[in-house]
Amino acid sequence: MGEFVYAWGNDYAGNTISNLDVTLRTLQAVAPKAKVIVVMQPSEAAHIDKLLALFPVHAVLQYPIAEEQMRAALLDLACK
């Protein structure tokens, strides 16, 4: 689980779009079967598609997150 923040770092090379890029690339290499849940502020919604185009993400939840939403996301992961 990670919180998505668009353009979080100042990457002069221009090859990251968020604070999660390095973590998600590492997971692809060392834990390719890992399931990822991303949480985010509603203000980040316009940018989440950029992340989803690069990485497999199994659920995206926006704050405020209801208990039922988190439970559904976790149960969905458990069933796969």
C-alpha atoms as a PDB file:
ATOM      1  CA  MET A   1       0.000   0.000   0.000  1.00  0.00           C
ATOM      2  CA  GLY A   2       1.265   3.425  -0.874  1.00  0.00           C
ATOM      3  CA  GLU A   3      -0.018   6.966  -1.126  1.00  0.00           C
ATOM      4  CA  PHE A   4       0.202   8.473  -4.610  1.00  0.00           C
ATOM      5  CA  VAL A   5       1.592  11.999  -4.888  1.00  0.00           C
ATOM      6  CA  TYR A   6       2.049  13.232  -8.454  1.00  0.00           C
ATOM      7  CA  ALA A   7       5.423  14.800  -9.285  1.00  0.00           C
ATOM      8  CA  TRP A   8       6.529  14.370  -5.690  1.00  0.00           C
ATOM      9  CA  GLY A   9      10.240  14.497  -6.374  1.00  0.00           C
ATOM     10  CA  ASN A  10      12.264  16.853  -8.487  1.00  0.00           C
ATOM     11  CA  ASP A  11      13.604  14.429 -11.073  1.00  0.00           C
ATOM     12  CA  TYR A  12      15.798  16.289 -13.515  1.00  0.00           C
ATOM     13  CA  ALA A  13      16.005  13.244 -15.772  1.00  0.00           C
ATOM     14  CA  GLY A  14      12.238  13.291 -16.170  1.00  0.00           C
ATOM     15  CA  ASN A  15      11.765   9.570 -15.715  1.00  0.00           C
ATOM     16  CA  THR A  16       9.536   9.487 -12.637  1.00  0.00           C
ATOM     17  CA  ILE A  17       5.993  10.753 -12.317  1.00  0.00           C
ATOM     18  CA  SER A  18       5.310  10.219  -8.638  1.00  0.00           C
ATOM     19  CA  ASN A  19       6.654   9.273  -5.256  1.00  0.00           C
ATOM     20  CA  LEU A  20       5.775   5.595  -5.906  1.00  0.00           C
ATOM     21  CA  ASP A  21       7.759   4.969  -9.089  1.00  0.00           C
ATOM     22  CA  VAL A  22      10.935   3.638  -7.462  1.00  0.00           C
ATOM     23  CA  THR A  23       9.010   1.433  -5.045  1.00  0.00           C
ATOM     24  CA  LEU A  24       6.804  -0.015  -7.773  1.00  0.00           C
ATOM     25  CA  ARG A  25       9.770  -0.658 -10.093  1.00  0.00           C
ATOM     26  CA  THR A  26      11.548  -2.433  -7.249  1.00  0.00           C
ATOM     27  CA  LEU A  27       8.472  -4.560  -6.555  1.00  0.00           C
ATOM     28  CA  GLN A  28       8.338  -5.564 -10.219  1.00  0.00           C
ATOM     29  CA  ALA A  29      11.912  -6.822  -9.943  1.00  0.00           C
ATOM     30  CA  VAL A  30      11.963  -8.487  -6.527  1.00  0.00           C
ATOM     31  CA  ALA A  31       8.310  -9.347  -5.870  1.00  0.00           C
ATOM     32  CA  PRO A  32       6.509  -9.555  -9.215  1.00  0.00           C
ATOM     33  CA  LYS A  33       3.463 -11.213  -7.627  1.00  0.00           C
ATOM     34  CA  ALA A  34       3.003  -8.416  -5.080  1.00  0.00           C
ATOM     35  CA  LYS A  35      -0.435  -6.831  -5.012  1.00  0.00           C
ATOM     36  CA  VAL A  36      -0.561  -3.051  -4.738  1.00  0.00           C
ATOM     37  CA  ILE A  37      -3.224  -0.789  -3.277  1.00  0.00           C
ATOM     38  CA  VAL A  38      -2.786   2.926  -3.902  1.00  0.00           C
ATOM     39  CA  VAL A  39      -4.455   5.615  -1.808  1.00  0.00           C
ATOM     40  CA  MET A  40      -4.630   9.253  -2.835  1.00  0.00           C
ATOM     41  CA  GLN A  41      -6.128  12.630  -2.208  1.00  0.00           C
ATOM     42  CA  PRO A  42      -8.974  13.555  -4.588  1.00  0.00           C
ATOM     43  CA  SER A  43      -6.759  16.327  -5.980  1.00  0.00           C
ATOM     44  CA  GLU A  44      -4.447  13.642  -7.440  1.00  0.00           C
ATOM     45  CA  ALA A  45      -7.227  11.954  -9.460  1.00  0.00           C
ATOM     46  CA  ALA A  46      -6.326  13.812 -12.657  1.00  0.00           C
ATOM     47  CA  HIS A  47      -2.870  12.201 -12.611  1.00  0.00           C
ATOM     48  CA  ILE A  48      -3.459   8.612 -11.440  1.00  0.00           C
ATOM     49  CA  ASP A  49      -3.851   7.323 -15.011  1.00  0.00           C
ATOM     50  CA  LYS A  50      -0.190   8.178 -15.641  1.00  0.00           C
ATOM     51  CA  LEU A  51       0.822   5.778 -12.861  1.00  0.00           C
ATOM     52  CA  LEU A  52      -1.658   3.106 -13.950  1.00  0.00           C
ATOM     53  CA  ALA A  53      -0.241   3.195 -17.481  1.00  0.00           C
ATOM     54  CA  LEU A  54       3.169   2.170 -16.124  1.00  0.00           C
ATOM     55  CA  PHE A  55       2.461  -0.200 -13.241  1.00  0.00           C
ATOM     56  CA  PRO A  56      -0.025  -2.908 -12.288  1.00  0.00           C
ATOM     57  CA  VAL A  57      -2.162  -1.616  -9.418  1.00  0.00           C
ATOM     58  CA  HIS A  58      -4.949  -3.731  -7.973  1.00  0.00           C
ATOM     59  CA  ALA A  59      -6.970  -1.006  -6.266  1.00  0.00           C
ATOM     60  CA  VAL A  60      -7.032   2.782  -6.069  1.00  0.00           C
ATOM     61  CA  LEU A  61      -8.838   4.380  -3.136  1.00  0.00           C
ATOM     62  CA  GLN A  62      -9.475   8.088  -2.599  1.00  0.00           C
ATOM     63  CA  TYR A  63      -9.524   9.777   0.789  1.00  0.00           C
ATOM     64  CA  PRO A  64     -11.622   9.719   2.848  1.00  0.00           C
ATOM     65  CA  ILE A  65     -11.539   5.935   2.690  1.00  0.00           C
ATOM     66  CA  ALA A  66     -14.451   4.128   4.258  1.00  0.00           C
ATOM     67  CA  GLU A  67     -13.810   0.904   6.116  1.00  0.00           C
ATOM     68  CA  GLU A  68     -16.030  -0.921   3.616  1.00  0.00           C
ATOM     69  CA  GLN A  69     -13.931   0.308   0.679  1.00  0.00           C
ATOM     70  CA  MET A  70     -10.704  -0.940   2.245  1.00  0.00           C
ATOM     71  CA  ARG A  71     -12.284  -4.239   3.206  1.00  0.00           C
ATOM     72  CA  ALA A  72     -13.573  -4.756  -0.348  1.00  0.00           C
ATOM     73  CA  ALA A  73     -10.143  -4.025  -1.829  1.00  0.00           C
ATOM     74  CA  LEU A  74      -8.432  -6.426   0.566  1.00  0.00           C
ATOM     75  CA  LEU A  75     -11.010  -9.169   0.011  1.00  0.00           C
ATOM     76  CA  ASP A  76     -10.655  -8.770  -3.741  1.00  0.00           C
ATOM     77  CA  LEU A  77      -6.898  -9.273  -3.422  1.00  0.00           C
ATOM     78  CA  ALA A  78      -7.385 -12.329  -1.221  1.00  0.00           C
ATOM     79  CA  CYS A  79      -9.627 -13.934  -3.861  1.00  0.00           C
ATOM     80  CA  LYS A  80      -7.095 -13.547  -6.686  1.00  0.00           C
END
